Amino acid sequence: MTALVIILGVIYLAALGFWIMKKVDCFLASGNIHPQWDAIEEKKIKERKQRRLHCSLKES
């Protein structure tokens, strides 16, 4: 009886893991997360921060 409970538990965990990985795969494939670092975007962010800093210094 104990072996049956353990076997069913393992099967349940395997099915649950498969379902979770399927959801994660769909999320990653949808493009919501970028798989690699984008140097151009990083440069744009730094330029925006510099402009904000420069503008706030002019107002002061």
Protein backbone atom coordinates (compact mmCIF):
# COMPACT_ATOMS: atom_id res chain seq x y z
CA MET A 1 0.00 0.00 0.00
CA THR A 2 2.83 2.38 0.85
CA ALA A 3 4.53 1.64 -2.45
CA LEU A 4 1.32 2.49 -4.32
CA VAL A 5 1.09 5.88 -2.58
CA ILE A 6 4.74 6.63 -3.40
CA ILE A 7 4.31 5.60 -7.04
CA LEU A 8 1.16 7.71 -7.44
CA GLY A 9 2.90 10.65 -5.76
CA VAL A 10 5.82 10.42 -8.18
CA ILE A 11 3.47 10.20 -11.16
CA TYR A 12 1.54 13.23 -9.87
CA LEU A 13 4.74 15.25 -9.40
CA ALA A 14 5.96 14.31 -12.88
CA ALA A 15 2.66 15.40 -14.44
CA LEU A 16 2.67 18.63 -12.44
CA GLY A 17 6.27 19.36 -13.47
CA PHE A 18 5.43 18.70 -17.11
CA TRP A 19 2.45 21.09 -16.92
CA ILE A 20 4.53 23.83 -15.25
CA MET A 21 7.33 23.52 -17.80
CA LYS A 22 4.78 23.72 -20.62
CA LYS A 23 3.45 27.00 -19.16
CA VAL A 24 6.97 28.41 -18.72
CA ASP A 25 7.88 27.44 -22.29
CA CYS A 26 4.80 29.22 -23.67
CA PHE A 27 5.61 32.31 -21.61
CA LEU A 28 9.20 32.45 -22.85
CA ALA A 29 8.10 31.81 -26.45
CA SER A 30 5.59 34.67 -26.29
CA GLY A 31 8.42 37.18 -26.16
CA ASN A 32 7.67 38.69 -22.77
CA ILE A 33 11.27 38.14 -21.69
CA HIS A 34 14.24 38.99 -23.87
CA PRO A 35 16.68 36.08 -23.97
CA GLN A 36 19.78 38.24 -24.21
CA TRP A 37 21.08 41.59 -23.11
CA ASP A 38 20.55 44.43 -25.59
CA ALA A 39 23.46 46.89 -25.65
CA ILE A 40 21.60 49.41 -27.82
CA GLU A 41 18.67 49.56 -25.42
CA GLU A 42 21.07 49.97 -22.50
CA LYS A 43 22.71 52.90 -24.28
CA LYS A 44 19.32 54.56 -24.87
CA ILE A 45 18.43 54.21 -21.20
CA LYS A 46 21.70 55.83 -20.14
CA GLU A 47 21.14 58.71 -22.59
CA ARG A 48 17.62 59.30 -21.22
CA LYS A 49 18.95 59.40 -17.68
CA GLN A 50 21.66 61.87 -18.71
CA ARG A 51 19.07 64.13 -20.40
CA ARG A 52 16.85 64.07 -17.30
CA LEU A 53 19.81 64.92 -15.10
CA HIS A 54 20.89 67.68 -17.46
CA CYS A 55 17.37 69.15 -17.61
CA SER A 56 16.94 69.03 -13.84
CA LEU A 57 20.26 70.83 -13.38
CA LYS A 58 19.14 73.60 -15.77
CA GLU A 59 15.94 74.14 -13.77
CA SER A 60 17.79 74.47 -10.47
